[in-house]
Protein backbone atom coordinates (compact mmCIF):
# COMPACT_ATOMS: atom_id res chain seq x y z
CA MET A 1 -34.71 -31.21 42.57
CA LEU A 2 -37.10 -29.35 44.87
CA PHE A 3 -34.50 -26.60 45.35
CA VAL A 4 -34.12 -26.21 41.56
CA LEU A 5 -37.88 -25.95 41.10
CA GLN A 6 -38.09 -23.37 43.89
CA GLU A 7 -35.38 -21.26 42.25
CA ILE A 8 -37.09 -21.46 38.87
CA GLY A 9 -40.33 -20.48 40.56
CA LYS A 10 -38.67 -17.44 42.15
CA ALA A 11 -37.28 -16.33 38.79
CA LEU A 12 -40.62 -16.74 37.00
CA SER A 13 -42.47 -15.00 39.83
CA LEU A 14 -40.15 -11.99 39.59
CA ALA A 15 -40.48 -11.97 35.81
CA PHE A 16 -44.29 -11.93 36.03
CA ALA A 17 -44.26 -9.22 38.72
CA MET A 18 -42.17 -7.02 36.39
CA PHE A 19 -44.48 -7.72 33.46
CA TRP A 20 -47.64 -7.01 35.48
CA GLN A 21 -46.27 -3.70 36.73
CA VAL A 22 -45.54 -2.43 33.21
CA LEU A 23 -48.43 -3.99 31.25
CA TRP A 24 -50.56 -0.84 31.10
CA PRO A 25 -47.76 1.53 30.05
CA LEU A 26 -46.69 -0.98 27.39
CA ALA A 27 -50.21 -1.17 25.98
CA LEU A 28 -50.64 2.61 26.11
CA GLY A 29 -47.34 3.11 24.30
CA PHE A 30 -48.29 0.60 21.60
CA LEU A 31 -51.63 2.33 21.15
CA LEU A 32 -50.13 5.81 20.75
CA SER A 33 -47.58 4.50 18.27
CA ALA A 34 -50.27 2.65 16.31
CA ILE A 35 -52.32 5.85 16.00
CA VAL A 36 -49.33 7.71 14.55
CA GLU A 37 -48.46 4.89 12.14
CA ALA A 38 -52.07 4.71 10.98
CA LEU A 39 -52.05 8.41 10.03
CA VAL A 40 -48.54 8.91 8.58
CA SER A 41 -47.43 6.89 5.54
CA LYS A 42 -43.93 5.49 4.98
CA GLN A 43 -43.87 7.16 1.55
CA THR A 44 -44.37 10.55 3.21
CA ILE A 45 -41.60 9.79 5.70
CA SER A 46 -39.19 8.78 2.92
CA ARG A 47 -39.89 11.99 1.02
CA LEU A 48 -39.16 14.08 4.11
CA LEU A 49 -35.81 12.39 4.80
CA GLY A 50 -34.12 12.77 1.43
CA LYS A 51 -31.42 15.25 2.46
CA ASP A 52 -28.72 15.23 5.14
CA ARG A 53 -29.58 18.53 6.78
CA PRO A 54 -30.43 19.41 10.39
CA ARG A 55 -34.10 19.84 9.49
CA GLU A 56 -34.33 16.33 8.04
CA VAL A 57 -32.42 14.89 11.00
CA MET A 58 -34.96 16.47 13.36
CA ILE A 59 -37.84 15.09 11.29
CA ALA A 60 -36.26 11.61 11.26
CA THR A 61 -35.92 11.75 15.04
CA ALA A 62 -39.47 12.98 15.64
CA LEU A 63 -41.13 10.53 13.26
CA GLY A 64 -38.99 7.67 14.55
CA ALA A 65 -39.92 8.48 18.14
CA ALA A 66 -43.59 8.41 17.16
CA SER A 67 -43.26 5.06 15.37
CA SER A 68 -42.94 2.00 17.58
CA SER A 69 -40.97 -0.97 16.31
CA CYS A 70 -39.08 -3.92 17.60
CA SER A 71 -35.43 -3.75 16.58
CA TYR A 72 -35.86 -6.18 13.68
CA ALA A 73 -38.86 -4.30 12.31
CA ALA A 74 -37.07 -0.96 12.76
CA VAL A 75 -34.14 -2.23 10.69
CA ALA A 76 -36.52 -3.48 7.98
CA VAL A 77 -38.39 -0.16 7.92
CA ALA A 78 -35.10 1.76 7.70
CA ARG A 79 -34.07 -0.20 4.62
CA THR A 80 -37.47 0.45 3.04
CA LEU A 81 -37.11 4.19 3.70
CA PHE A 82 -33.57 4.12 2.30
CA ARG A 83 -34.71 2.39 -0.90
CA LYS A 84 -37.60 4.85 -1.28
CA GLY A 85 -35.41 7.93 -1.13
CA ALA A 86 -34.30 8.63 2.44
CA THR A 87 -30.58 9.10 2.97
CA LEU A 88 -28.79 6.24 4.72
CA GLY A 89 -27.93 8.48 7.69
CA ASN A 90 -31.52 9.64 8.16
CA ALA A 91 -32.86 6.10 7.77
CA ILE A 92 -30.54 4.87 10.54
CA ILE A 93 -31.42 7.83 12.79
CA PHE A 94 -35.13 7.08 12.23
CA GLU A 95 -34.39 3.46 13.14
CA PHE A 96 -32.64 4.42 16.39
CA ALA A 97 -35.42 6.81 17.39
CA SER A 98 -38.10 4.18 16.67
CA THR A 99 -36.60 1.82 19.25
CA ASN A 100 -34.99 4.17 21.78
CA LEU A 101 -37.28 7.21 22.01
CA VAL A 102 -40.71 5.61 21.70
CA PHE A 103 -43.66 6.01 24.04
CA GLU A 104 -43.71 2.51 25.55
CA LEU A 105 -39.99 2.50 26.34
CA GLY A 106 -40.28 5.81 28.21
CA LEU A 107 -43.35 4.71 30.14
CA VAL A 108 -41.78 1.39 31.17
CA LEU A 109 -38.59 3.17 32.26
CA LEU A 110 -40.66 5.58 34.33
CA ILE A 111 -42.57 2.79 36.06
CA LEU A 112 -39.66 0.41 36.69
CA LEU A 113 -36.76 2.79 37.35
CA GLY A 114 -38.10 6.32 37.87
CA TRP A 115 -38.17 9.74 36.25
CA GLN A 116 -34.38 10.20 36.32
CA PHE A 117 -33.91 7.26 33.96
CA LEU A 118 -36.69 8.49 31.68
CA SER A 119 -35.13 11.97 31.56
CA ALA A 120 -31.67 10.52 30.92
CA GLU A 121 -33.02 8.28 28.16
CA LEU A 122 -34.63 11.24 26.37
CA LEU A 123 -31.61 13.50 26.80
CA GLY A 124 -29.19 10.73 25.88
CA GLY A 125 -31.27 9.86 22.84
CA LEU A 126 -30.98 13.43 21.57
CA VAL A 127 -27.24 13.44 22.29
CA MET A 128 -26.90 10.18 20.37
CA VAL A 129 -28.83 11.58 17.39
CA VAL A 130 -26.53 14.63 17.26
CA LEU A 131 -23.44 12.42 17.47
CA LEU A 132 -24.77 10.11 14.77
CA ALA A 133 -25.58 13.01 12.46
CA ILE A 134 -22.10 14.49 12.93
CA LEU A 135 -20.31 11.16 12.43
CA PHE A 136 -22.38 10.32 9.35
CA LYS A 137 -21.63 13.75 7.89
CA VAL A 138 -17.89 13.36 8.50
CA THR A 139 -17.28 9.66 7.88
CA LEU A 140 -20.08 8.24 5.70
CA SER A 141 -18.49 8.27 2.24
CA LYS A 142 -20.31 8.19 -1.09
CA ARG A 143 -18.58 4.88 -1.75
CA LEU A 144 -20.14 3.32 1.37
CA VAL A 145 -23.57 4.74 0.51
CA SER A 146 -23.27 3.39 -3.04
CA ALA A 147 -22.31 -0.05 -1.72
CA ALA A 148 -25.24 0.07 0.73
CA HIS A 149 -27.65 0.99 -2.09
CA GLU A 150 -26.38 -1.78 -4.31
CA GLN A 151 -26.78 -4.37 -1.58
CA ALA A 152 -30.13 -3.02 -0.35
CA ASP A 153 -31.59 -3.17 -3.86
CA ARG A 154 -30.83 -6.90 -3.97
CA GLY A 155 -33.66 -7.28 -1.47
CA LEU A 156 -32.11 -10.04 0.62
CA SER A 157 -34.37 -11.15 3.44
CA GLY A 158 -33.65 -10.45 7.09
CA ARG A 159 -36.50 -10.46 9.60
CA MET A 160 -39.86 -8.70 9.70
CA GLU A 161 -39.67 -7.92 5.97
CA GLY A 162 -43.41 -7.49 5.72
CA HIS A 163 -43.37 -4.89 8.48
CA GLY A 164 -40.88 -2.82 6.54
CA ALA A 165 -42.74 -3.00 3.24
CA MET A 166 -46.30 -2.83 4.55
CA ASP A 167 -48.03 0.54 4.73
CA MET A 168 -51.57 0.52 6.15
CA SER A 169 -51.78 4.26 6.82
CA ILE A 170 -54.90 6.29 6.03
CA THR A 171 -53.79 9.34 4.04
CA ASP A 172 -56.86 10.66 2.19
CA GLY A 173 -59.12 13.29 3.73
CA PRO A 174 -58.85 15.73 6.69
CA LEU A 175 -56.87 14.53 9.70
CA LEU A 176 -59.75 14.42 12.19
CA GLN A 177 -62.02 12.69 9.71
CA ARG A 178 -59.34 10.07 9.09
CA ALA A 179 -58.56 9.63 12.79
CA PHE A 180 -62.15 8.79 13.75
CA SER A 181 -63.04 6.67 10.75
CA GLY A 182 -63.69 2.95 10.75
CA ARG A 183 -60.70 2.48 8.44
CA ALA A 184 -58.47 4.17 11.01
CA LEU A 185 -59.75 1.87 13.75
CA THR A 186 -58.90 -1.11 11.56
CA SER A 187 -55.45 0.26 10.77
CA ILE A 188 -54.77 1.06 14.43
CA SER A 189 -55.78 -2.44 15.50
CA HIS A 190 -53.50 -3.95 12.85
CA TYR A 191 -50.50 -1.81 13.78
CA PHE A 192 -51.16 -2.39 17.50
CA PHE A 193 -51.01 -6.18 17.23
CA MET A 194 -48.32 -6.10 14.56
CA ASN A 195 -46.04 -4.28 17.01
CA ILE A 196 -46.93 -6.68 19.82
CA TYR A 197 -46.27 -9.63 17.50
CA GLY A 198 -42.89 -8.18 16.58
CA LEU A 199 -41.90 -7.59 20.19
CA TRP A 200 -43.37 -10.46 22.15
CA THR A 201 -40.29 -12.69 21.87
CA ASP A 202 -37.97 -9.94 23.11
CA LEU A 203 -40.38 -9.01 25.89
CA VAL A 204 -40.66 -12.60 27.13
CA LEU A 205 -36.89 -13.09 26.92
CA GLY A 206 -36.25 -9.78 28.65
CA PHE A 207 -38.56 -10.49 31.58
CA VAL A 208 -37.46 -14.13 31.99
CA ILE A 209 -33.75 -13.34 31.78
CA ALA A 210 -34.19 -10.41 34.17
CA GLY A 211 -36.12 -12.63 36.57
CA ALA A 212 -33.40 -15.28 36.45
CA LEU A 213 -30.50 -12.85 36.87
CA GLY A 214 -32.31 -10.89 39.57
CA SER A 215 -33.00 -14.08 41.52
CA TRP A 216 -29.82 -16.07 40.96
CA VAL A 217 -26.88 -13.66 40.55
CA SER A 218 -25.71 -11.93 43.73
CA ASP A 219 -25.10 -8.19 43.84
CA SER A 220 -21.44 -8.80 44.76
CA VAL A 221 -20.84 -10.48 41.37
CA TRP A 222 -22.34 -7.54 39.52
CA SER A 223 -20.43 -5.08 41.70
CA ARG A 224 -17.08 -6.62 40.76
CA LEU A 225 -17.99 -6.75 37.07
CA PHE A 226 -19.00 -3.09 36.96
CA LEU A 227 -16.14 -1.77 39.16
CA GLU A 228 -18.66 -0.16 41.49
CA GLY A 229 -17.28 2.57 43.74
CA HIS A 230 -14.28 3.58 41.59
CA GLY A 231 -15.46 7.08 40.70
CA LEU A 232 -14.76 8.23 37.15
CA LEU A 233 -13.36 4.82 36.22
CA SER A 234 -16.73 3.26 37.09
CA GLU A 235 -18.50 5.82 34.91
CA VAL A 236 -16.29 5.20 31.90
CA TRP A 237 -16.28 1.44 32.33
CA GLY A 238 -20.06 1.34 32.71
CA ALA A 239 -20.57 3.24 29.45
CA VAL A 240 -18.11 0.93 27.69
CA ILE A 241 -19.40 -2.40 29.00
CA GLY A 242 -23.12 -1.55 28.93
CA PRO A 243 -23.45 -1.92 25.13
CA LEU A 244 -21.26 -5.03 25.18
CA VAL A 245 -23.65 -6.72 27.63
CA ALA A 246 -26.49 -5.80 25.27
CA VAL A 247 -24.64 -7.23 22.24
CA ILE A 248 -24.54 -10.71 23.75
CA SER A 249 -27.94 -10.56 25.49
CA PHE A 250 -29.91 -11.03 22.22
CA VAL A 251 -32.70 -8.95 23.79
CA CYS A 252 -33.82 -5.74 22.16
CA SER A 253 -36.19 -2.79 22.42
CA VAL A 254 -38.43 -2.65 25.52
CA GLY A 255 -37.19 -6.09 26.58
CA ASN A 256 -33.96 -4.37 27.60
CA VAL A 257 -35.59 -2.39 30.41
CA PRO A 258 -36.10 -5.29 32.90
CA LEU A 259 -32.45 -6.25 32.33
CA ALA A 260 -31.45 -2.61 32.88
CA ALA A 261 -33.19 -2.74 36.27
CA VAL A 262 -31.13 -5.81 37.20
CA LEU A 263 -27.88 -4.14 36.09
CA TRP A 264 -28.69 -0.95 38.01
CA ARG A 265 -29.35 -2.87 41.21
CA GLY A 266 -26.12 -4.78 40.57
CA GLY A 267 -23.96 -1.65 40.50
CA ILE A 268 -23.47 -0.50 36.90
CA SER A 269 -23.06 3.26 36.53
CA PHE A 270 -26.04 5.45 35.70
CA GLY A 271 -24.58 6.23 32.26
CA GLY A 272 -23.91 2.52 31.77
CA VAL A 273 -27.62 1.77 32.16
CA ILE A 274 -28.47 4.34 29.51
CA ALA A 275 -25.77 3.04 27.13
CA PHE A 276 -27.08 -0.51 27.66
CA ILE A 277 -30.65 0.48 26.77
CA PHE A 278 -29.47 2.26 23.62
CA ALA A 279 -27.61 -0.83 22.40
CA ASP A 280 -30.59 -2.88 21.22
CA LEU A 281 -29.59 -2.22 17.60
CA VAL A 282 -26.12 -3.77 17.88
CA ILE A 283 -27.12 -7.20 19.16
CA LEU A 284 -25.61 -10.02 17.10
CA PRO A 285 -28.76 -10.97 15.10
CA VAL A 286 -29.27 -7.32 14.07
CA LEU A 287 -25.64 -7.01 13.00
CA ASN A 288 -26.12 -10.06 10.79
CA ILE A 289 -29.18 -8.43 9.22
CA TYR A 290 -27.13 -5.27 8.57
CA ARG A 291 -24.67 -7.49 6.71
CA ARG A 292 -27.43 -8.91 4.53
CA TYR A 293 -29.12 -5.55 3.95
CA TYR A 294 -26.10 -3.33 3.32
CA GLY A 295 -23.04 -5.57 2.95
CA ARG A 296 -20.23 -6.51 5.34
CA ARG A 297 -18.27 -3.23 5.15
CA VAL A 298 -21.30 -1.09 5.83
CA ALA A 299 -22.40 -3.42 8.67
CA VAL A 300 -18.99 -3.06 10.34
CA TYR A 301 -19.17 0.71 9.84
CA LEU A 302 -22.66 0.91 11.37
CA PHE A 303 -21.58 -1.18 14.36
CA ALA A 304 -18.52 1.01 15.00
CA VAL A 305 -20.41 4.28 14.68
CA SER A 306 -23.37 3.01 16.72
CA TYR A 307 -21.24 1.61 19.53
CA LEU A 308 -19.20 4.81 19.76
CA THR A 309 -22.29 7.04 19.95
CA MET A 310 -24.05 4.79 22.49
CA ALA A 311 -21.06 4.72 24.81
CA LEU A 312 -20.41 8.46 24.45
CA ALA A 313 -24.07 9.39 24.93
CA GLY A 314 -24.31 7.21 28.03
CA LEU A 315 -21.09 8.65 29.46
CA VAL A 316 -22.06 12.28 28.75
CA VAL A 317 -25.51 11.88 30.28
CA GLY A 318 -24.12 10.01 33.28
CA LEU A 319 -21.57 12.75 33.99
CA LEU A 320 -24.15 15.52 33.50
CA PHE A 321 -26.53 13.90 35.96
CA ASN A 322 -23.69 13.34 38.44
CA VAL A 323 -22.57 16.97 38.27
CA SER A 324 -26.14 18.25 38.62
CA GLY A 325 -26.86 15.91 41.54
CA LEU A 326 -29.74 14.18 39.71
CA THR A 327 -28.24 10.68 39.65
CA PRO A 328 -30.30 8.36 41.88
CA THR A 329 -28.37 7.21 44.95
CA ASN A 330 -30.76 4.41 45.86
CA ARG A 331 -30.18 1.23 43.87
CA HIS A 332 -33.19 -0.47 45.37
CA VAL A 333 -35.63 -1.37 42.57
CA THR A 334 -39.14 -1.64 44.01
CA VAL A 335 -40.33 -4.30 41.59
CA PHE A 336 -37.92 -6.84 43.08
CA ASP A 337 -39.96 -6.72 46.30
CA THR A 338 -43.38 -6.27 44.71
CA ALA A 339 -46.03 -8.96 44.45
CA VAL A 340 -49.16 -8.79 42.33
CA SER A 341 -51.94 -7.23 44.40
CA TRP A 342 -55.10 -5.14 44.09
CA ASN A 343 -53.46 -1.79 43.53
CA TYR A 344 -53.70 0.89 40.83
CA ASP A 345 -51.49 -1.15 38.48
CA THR A 346 -53.97 -4.01 38.57
CA PHE A 347 -56.97 -1.77 37.86
CA LEU A 348 -55.14 -0.02 35.01
CA ASN A 349 -54.07 -3.40 33.62
CA ILE A 350 -57.68 -4.61 33.65
CA ALA A 351 -58.71 -1.45 31.79
CA VAL A 352 -56.09 -1.90 29.07
CA LEU A 353 -56.92 -5.60 28.75
CA VAL A 354 -60.53 -4.62 28.01
CA LEU A 355 -59.29 -2.09 25.43
CA MET A 356 -57.03 -4.72 23.90
CA ALA A 357 -60.00 -7.10 23.67
CA VAL A 358 -61.96 -4.48 21.70
CA LEU A 359 -59.02 -3.96 19.34
CA LEU A 360 -58.55 -7.72 19.04
CA VAL A 361 -62.13 -8.21 17.87
CA ARG A 362 -61.60 -5.54 15.19
CA PHE A 363 -58.26 -7.08 14.28
CA LEU A 364 -59.68 -10.58 13.83
CA ARG A 365 -62.69 -9.38 11.83
CA THR A 366 -60.58 -7.40 9.35
CA GLY A 367 -57.96 -9.89 8.20
CA GLY A 368 -55.44 -9.26 10.94
CA VAL A 369 -54.19 -12.84 11.15
CA ALA A 370 -53.45 -12.93 7.41
CA MET A 371 -51.63 -9.61 7.77
CA LEU A 372 -49.38 -11.05 10.50
CA ARG A 373 -48.46 -13.97 8.25
CA MET A 374 -47.17 -11.48 5.69
CA MET A 375 -44.81 -9.83 8.16
CA GLU A 376 -42.16 -12.50 7.67
CA MET A 377 -42.48 -12.59 3.87
CA PRO A 378 -39.75 -11.07 1.69
CA ALA A 379 -40.90 -7.67 0.46
CA THR A 380 -40.93 -8.81 -3.16
CA GLU A 381 -43.38 -11.62 -2.34
CA MET A 382 -45.82 -9.76 -0.12
CA HIS A 383 -46.35 -6.57 -2.16
CA HIS A 384 -49.66 -7.61 -3.72
CA ALA A 385 -50.78 -9.42 -0.58
CA ALA A 386 -50.13 -6.26 1.45
CA GLU A 387 -52.40 -4.29 -0.88
CA GLY A 388 -55.12 -6.81 -0.17
CA ALA A 389 -54.64 -6.28 3.57
CA GLN A 390 -55.16 -2.52 3.35
CA PRO A 391 -58.01 -1.44 5.64
């Protein structure tokens, strides 16, 4: 019994050490995303994404990257954009960018795994967007789009419906005047805690699972699973199996990064890590929501296209980094040997906790708790309530 408790303690200690090391970049990323969401409305985004052209694909990618969402919220927002006039392809590209190219993901990757992984994530994300746009152009038939529209307009509930339907952006007046207004501060505080609320389950699961796997599973087990040391075969296999591990992990968005650190230390290929991180939108619960939102055929289509682009993007980026000599050779992840101490991470964490306290006071004084309750409401039920929650 004592041994079991000691092992659980080791896993939880590692999980907390990971969390403490990335707390400040997480908070900073959420803040930057909240500022963007407070100043750009979903209606504006939908209007900009109404055609399947390179310009609209670029806009979908840029606006998605600036809008932070957990995977469930991203899927809900994508359906809202689709119903408001965005094309299905652009809505899905926006969805992928809002979970895979966002500020907090990049900052956490940089802190936990290093600049090579951040660079590969950004490059791979752009490769994946290009592949998605090409595949949608070639394979997404009018019949599938029509079926998706018919199912989407039924308004079946998934998760985070309120997040998708709610728009608390400040759109009237000059940009600087809006950005420094009291209404903007309210909106930013609401979006900030709405995103944390949407992600906290995945973050906790990600850190706890990573702590358990990092403490309990030996590197030799991972090495055999990932065929470490087999050259090109390892690269291909890593890109193939990375998304499959994500599918069954049930962890999405930033919660994937601690698990990615465990997989990297265990021997998965560099491209496999990137493919794994991309795969937060093909986990089983999200696939079920696709089925409810767009119908079974479209859900299967989205899974096939998404999986193919994730694996290909991971493989391409992995090979490019190998050829250029940029792939890290050291699989030692510092956080596995790091304990909480009085270093710059701790001081930065204290600073962001103070900032979060200020935002929390604003959030609580302006109906934030009621707004969070609406996030799980079906869109048809929360429309009038959402208007009441406008800052």
